Amino acid sequence: LGTKLILVLGHTGCGAVRAATEASRGAPPESANLRAITDRILEGIGEDFDPAAAVEANVRATMRALTRDSAVLAEAVEQGVEIAGAVYDLASGRVRLL
């Protein structure tokens, strides 16, 4: 891959996470494509509907999914590539590593 680090970067106020939490409360998106995304997010965040915690949970779930769903990335991690997660705060412009 030519890289030493893969960074999964979530952000505060994430509309996809918000849509997923709304879907869990009985308001699923009409679009099948958006439903596929919100379903995947809900798998990662579980019952945690605190917006900040849900964004973090989504980042962590995405980090796990990278090596679970991609043999190439799983091999890269075995070869020393690291996967890290962080959250970008839209209000402050700061990035917080998880």
N, C-alpha and C. Protein backbone atom coordinates (compact mmCIF):
# COMPACT_ATOMS: atom_id res chain seq x y z
N LEU A 1 0.81 -1.21 0.00
CA LEU A 1 0.00 0.00 0.00
C LEU A 1 0.84 1.26 0.00
N GLY A 2 2.06 1.18 0.51
CA GLY A 2 2.92 2.35 0.55
C GLY A 2 2.59 3.32 1.67
N THR A 3 1.87 2.86 2.67
CA THR A 3 1.54 3.73 3.80
C THR A 3 1.81 2.97 5.10
N LYS A 4 2.06 3.70 6.15
CA LYS A 4 2.29 3.09 7.47
C LYS A 4 1.07 3.23 8.37
N LEU A 5 0.13 4.12 7.99
CA LEU A 5 -1.00 4.40 8.85
C LEU A 5 -2.26 4.64 8.04
N ILE A 6 -3.35 4.03 8.48
CA ILE A 6 -4.68 4.31 7.93
C ILE A 6 -5.45 4.98 9.05
N LEU A 7 -5.97 6.17 8.80
CA LEU A 7 -6.71 6.91 9.81
C LEU A 7 -8.19 6.93 9.45
N VAL A 8 -9.01 6.41 10.36
CA VAL A 8 -10.46 6.48 10.22
C VAL A 8 -10.89 7.72 10.98
N LEU A 9 -11.43 8.69 10.27
CA LEU A 9 -11.75 9.99 10.87
C LEU A 9 -13.25 10.23 10.84
N GLY A 10 -13.86 10.21 12.02
CA GLY A 10 -15.26 10.58 12.15
C GLY A 10 -15.34 12.07 12.44
N HIS A 11 -16.55 12.60 12.53
CA HIS A 11 -16.68 14.02 12.87
C HIS A 11 -17.93 14.26 13.68
N THR A 12 -17.89 15.29 14.49
CA THR A 12 -19.04 15.66 15.29
C THR A 12 -20.18 16.07 14.36
N GLY A 13 -21.40 15.90 14.84
CA GLY A 13 -22.56 16.29 14.05
C GLY A 13 -22.75 15.45 12.81
N CYS A 14 -22.27 14.22 12.82
CA CYS A 14 -22.33 13.36 11.64
C CYS A 14 -23.79 13.05 11.26
N GLY A 15 -24.18 13.44 10.07
CA GLY A 15 -25.54 13.22 9.60
C GLY A 15 -25.86 11.74 9.43
N ALA A 16 -24.88 10.94 9.04
CA ALA A 16 -25.13 9.50 8.87
C ALA A 16 -25.41 8.84 10.21
N VAL A 17 -24.66 9.22 11.24
CA VAL A 17 -24.90 8.67 12.58
C VAL A 17 -26.27 9.15 13.08
N ARG A 18 -26.59 10.40 12.84
CA ARG A 18 -27.90 10.93 13.25
C ARG A 18 -29.02 10.18 12.54
N ALA A 19 -28.86 9.94 11.24
CA ALA A 19 -29.88 9.20 10.48
C ALA A 19 -30.02 7.77 11.01
N ALA A 20 -28.91 7.17 11.41
CA ALA A 20 -28.97 5.81 11.97
C ALA A 20 -29.73 5.78 13.28
N THR A 21 -29.48 6.75 14.14
CA THR A 21 -30.19 6.77 15.42
C THR A 21 -31.68 7.05 15.20
N GLU A 22 -32.00 7.90 14.24
CA GLU A 22 -33.41 8.15 13.91
C GLU A 22 -34.07 6.90 13.35
N ALA A 23 -33.33 6.15 12.54
CA ALA A 23 -33.86 4.91 11.97
C ALA A 23 -34.17 3.90 13.07
N SER A 24 -33.33 3.88 14.09
CA SER A 24 -33.55 2.93 15.19
C SER A 24 -34.78 3.30 16.01
N ARG A 25 -35.19 4.53 15.91
CA ARG A 25 -36.37 4.99 16.65
C ARG A 25 -37.64 4.92 15.79
N GLY A 26 -37.55 4.23 14.66
CA GLY A 26 -38.73 4.01 13.85
C GLY A 26 -38.88 4.93 12.66
N ALA A 27 -37.83 5.64 12.28
CA ALA A 27 -37.90 6.53 11.12
C ALA A 27 -36.83 6.13 10.10
N PRO A 28 -36.97 4.92 9.51
CA PRO A 28 -35.94 4.48 8.57
C PRO A 28 -35.94 5.33 7.30
N PRO A 29 -34.77 5.52 6.70
CA PRO A 29 -34.69 6.30 5.46
C PRO A 29 -35.46 5.61 4.34
N GLU A 30 -36.02 6.39 3.45
CA GLU A 30 -36.74 5.83 2.31
C GLU A 30 -35.79 5.21 1.29
N SER A 31 -34.62 5.76 1.15
CA SER A 31 -33.64 5.28 0.18
C SER A 31 -33.01 3.96 0.65
N ALA A 32 -33.02 2.96 -0.22
CA ALA A 32 -32.39 1.68 0.10
C ALA A 32 -30.89 1.85 0.31
N ASN A 33 -30.27 2.73 -0.47
CA ASN A 33 -28.83 2.97 -0.30
C ASN A 33 -28.53 3.56 1.06
N LEU A 34 -29.32 4.54 1.48
CA LEU A 34 -29.10 5.16 2.79
C LEU A 34 -29.41 4.17 3.91
N ARG A 35 -30.43 3.33 3.72
CA ARG A 35 -30.75 2.31 4.73
C ARG A 35 -29.58 1.35 4.92
N ALA A 36 -28.90 0.99 3.83
CA ALA A 36 -27.74 0.10 3.94
C ALA A 36 -26.65 0.74 4.80
N ILE A 37 -26.46 2.04 4.63
CA ILE A 37 -25.45 2.76 5.42
C ILE A 37 -25.88 2.85 6.88
N THR A 38 -27.13 3.23 7.12
CA THR A 38 -27.58 3.38 8.51
C THR A 38 -27.62 2.04 9.22
N ASP A 39 -27.97 0.97 8.51
CA ASP A 39 -27.96 -0.36 9.13
C ASP A 39 -26.55 -0.74 9.58
N ARG A 40 -25.58 -0.44 8.75
CA ARG A 40 -24.18 -0.76 9.09
C ARG A 40 -23.72 0.07 10.29
N ILE A 41 -24.10 1.33 10.32
CA ILE A 41 -23.73 2.18 11.46
C ILE A 41 -24.38 1.65 12.73
N LEU A 42 -25.66 1.27 12.66
CA LEU A 42 -26.35 0.76 13.84
C LEU A 42 -25.69 -0.50 14.38
N GLU A 43 -25.16 -1.35 13.49
CA GLU A 43 -24.43 -2.53 13.94
C GLU A 43 -23.24 -2.12 14.80
N GLY A 44 -22.60 -1.03 14.44
CA GLY A 44 -21.40 -0.59 15.15
C GLY A 44 -21.68 0.16 16.43
N ILE A 45 -22.78 0.93 16.47
CA ILE A 45 -23.01 1.76 17.65
C ILE A 45 -23.94 1.10 18.65
N GLY A 46 -24.65 0.06 18.25
CA GLY A 46 -25.54 -0.63 19.17
C GLY A 46 -26.62 0.29 19.71
N GLU A 47 -26.82 0.26 21.01
CA GLU A 47 -27.88 1.03 21.64
C GLU A 47 -27.40 2.38 22.16
N ASP A 48 -26.19 2.78 21.81
CA ASP A 48 -25.60 4.01 22.34
C ASP A 48 -26.05 5.19 21.48
N PHE A 49 -27.04 5.93 21.98
CA PHE A 49 -27.58 7.02 21.18
C PHE A 49 -27.07 8.39 21.60
N ASP A 50 -26.09 8.43 22.49
CA ASP A 50 -25.43 9.69 22.78
C ASP A 50 -24.65 10.06 21.52
N PRO A 51 -24.90 11.23 20.93
CA PRO A 51 -24.27 11.56 19.64
C PRO A 51 -22.75 11.44 19.63
N ALA A 52 -22.08 11.95 20.64
CA ALA A 52 -20.61 11.89 20.67
C ALA A 52 -20.13 10.45 20.79
N ALA A 53 -20.76 9.69 21.67
CA ALA A 53 -20.37 8.29 21.85
C ALA A 53 -20.68 7.48 20.60
N ALA A 54 -21.78 7.81 19.93
CA ALA A 54 -22.15 7.09 18.71
C ALA A 54 -21.13 7.34 17.59
N VAL A 55 -20.65 8.57 17.48
CA VAL A 55 -19.62 8.87 16.47
C VAL A 55 -18.36 8.07 16.77
N GLU A 56 -17.94 8.04 18.03
CA GLU A 56 -16.75 7.26 18.40
C GLU A 56 -16.96 5.78 18.13
N ALA A 57 -18.14 5.26 18.49
CA ALA A 57 -18.42 3.85 18.26
C ALA A 57 -18.40 3.53 16.77
N ASN A 58 -18.89 4.45 15.95
CA ASN A 58 -18.87 4.23 14.50
C ASN A 58 -17.44 4.20 13.97
N VAL A 59 -16.58 5.08 14.48
CA VAL A 59 -15.17 5.07 14.07
C VAL A 59 -14.54 3.73 14.43
N ARG A 60 -14.75 3.29 15.66
CA ARG A 60 -14.16 2.02 16.11
C ARG A 60 -14.69 0.84 15.30
N ALA A 61 -15.99 0.84 15.00
CA ALA A 61 -16.57 -0.24 14.20
C ALA A 61 -16.00 -0.23 12.78
N THR A 62 -15.79 0.94 12.23
CA THR A 62 -15.20 1.05 10.89
C THR A 62 -13.77 0.54 10.90
N MET A 63 -13.03 0.85 11.96
CA MET A 63 -11.66 0.34 12.07
C MET A 63 -11.65 -1.19 12.05
N ARG A 64 -12.56 -1.80 12.82
CA ARG A 64 -12.64 -3.27 12.85
C ARG A 64 -13.05 -3.82 11.49
N ALA A 65 -13.99 -3.15 10.84
CA ALA A 65 -14.50 -3.63 9.55
C ALA A 65 -13.43 -3.61 8.46
N LEU A 66 -12.49 -2.70 8.54
CA LEU A 66 -11.46 -2.61 7.51
C LEU A 66 -10.71 -3.93 7.37
N THR A 67 -10.28 -4.49 8.49
CA THR A 67 -9.52 -5.74 8.41
C THR A 67 -10.44 -6.96 8.30
N ARG A 68 -11.65 -6.84 8.79
CA ARG A 68 -12.60 -7.96 8.70
C ARG A 68 -13.07 -8.14 7.25
N ASP A 69 -13.29 -7.05 6.56
CA ASP A 69 -13.90 -7.10 5.23
C ASP A 69 -12.91 -7.03 4.08
N SER A 70 -11.64 -6.81 4.37
CA SER A 70 -10.65 -6.68 3.30
C SER A 70 -9.42 -7.53 3.60
N ALA A 71 -9.23 -8.55 2.79
CA ALA A 71 -8.04 -9.40 2.96
C ALA A 71 -6.77 -8.59 2.71
N VAL A 72 -6.82 -7.64 1.80
CA VAL A 72 -5.65 -6.81 1.50
C VAL A 72 -5.27 -5.99 2.72
N LEU A 73 -6.25 -5.36 3.36
CA LEU A 73 -5.95 -4.55 4.55
C LEU A 73 -5.55 -5.42 5.73
N ALA A 74 -6.16 -6.59 5.87
CA ALA A 74 -5.77 -7.50 6.94
C ALA A 74 -4.30 -7.90 6.79
N GLU A 75 -3.90 -8.19 5.57
CA GLU A 75 -2.50 -8.54 5.30
C GLU A 75 -1.58 -7.35 5.56
N ALA A 76 -2.02 -6.16 5.17
CA ALA A 76 -1.20 -4.96 5.40
C ALA A 76 -0.98 -4.74 6.89
N VAL A 77 -2.01 -4.96 7.70
CA VAL A 77 -1.87 -4.81 9.15
C VAL A 77 -0.89 -5.85 9.69
N GLU A 78 -0.97 -7.07 9.18
CA GLU A 78 -0.01 -8.10 9.58
C GLU A 78 1.41 -7.71 9.21
N GLN A 79 1.56 -6.91 8.16
CA GLN A 79 2.88 -6.46 7.70
C GLN A 79 3.35 -5.19 8.41
N GLY A 80 2.53 -4.66 9.33
CA GLY A 80 2.96 -3.51 10.11
C GLY A 80 2.19 -2.22 9.92
N VAL A 81 1.25 -2.18 8.98
CA VAL A 81 0.44 -0.99 8.81
C VAL A 81 -0.46 -0.86 10.04
N GLU A 82 -0.59 0.35 10.57
CA GLU A 82 -1.44 0.58 11.73
C GLU A 82 -2.74 1.25 11.30
N ILE A 83 -3.80 0.94 12.05
CA ILE A 83 -5.09 1.60 11.85
C ILE A 83 -5.39 2.37 13.11
N ALA A 84 -5.67 3.66 12.96
CA ALA A 84 -5.99 4.51 14.10
C ALA A 84 -7.32 5.19 13.83
N GLY A 85 -7.96 5.63 14.91
CA GLY A 85 -9.22 6.34 14.78
C GLY A 85 -9.15 7.69 15.45
N ALA A 86 -9.95 8.61 14.96
CA ALA A 86 -9.99 9.96 15.53
C ALA A 86 -11.34 10.58 15.22
N VAL A 87 -11.63 11.65 15.96
CA VAL A 87 -12.86 12.40 15.72
C VAL A 87 -12.49 13.86 15.51
N TYR A 88 -12.98 14.43 14.41
CA TYR A 88 -12.77 15.83 14.09
C TYR A 88 -13.93 16.63 14.66
N ASP A 89 -13.64 17.63 15.47
CA ASP A 89 -14.67 18.49 16.04
C ASP A 89 -14.90 19.66 15.09
N LEU A 90 -16.07 19.70 14.49
CA LEU A 90 -16.37 20.74 13.50
C LEU A 90 -16.33 22.14 14.11
N ALA A 91 -16.72 22.27 15.38
CA ALA A 91 -16.76 23.60 16.01
C ALA A 91 -15.38 24.14 16.30
N SER A 92 -14.49 23.30 16.80
CA SER A 92 -13.17 23.78 17.21
C SER A 92 -12.09 23.59 16.16
N GLY A 93 -12.33 22.68 15.22
CA GLY A 93 -11.32 22.37 14.22
C GLY A 93 -10.25 21.42 14.73
N ARG A 94 -10.45 20.88 15.93
CA ARG A 94 -9.46 19.97 16.52
C ARG A 94 -9.79 18.52 16.21
N VAL A 95 -8.73 17.72 16.15
CA VAL A 95 -8.85 16.28 15.95
C VAL A 95 -8.41 15.60 17.23
N ARG A 96 -9.25 14.69 17.72
CA ARG A 96 -8.94 13.95 18.95
C ARG A 96 -8.75 12.48 18.58
N LEU A 97 -7.55 11.96 18.87
CA LEU A 97 -7.27 10.55 18.61
C LEU A 97 -8.01 9.69 19.61
N LEU A 98 -8.49 8.55 19.15
CA LEU A 98 -9.18 7.60 20.04
C LEU A 98 -8.20 6.56 20.53
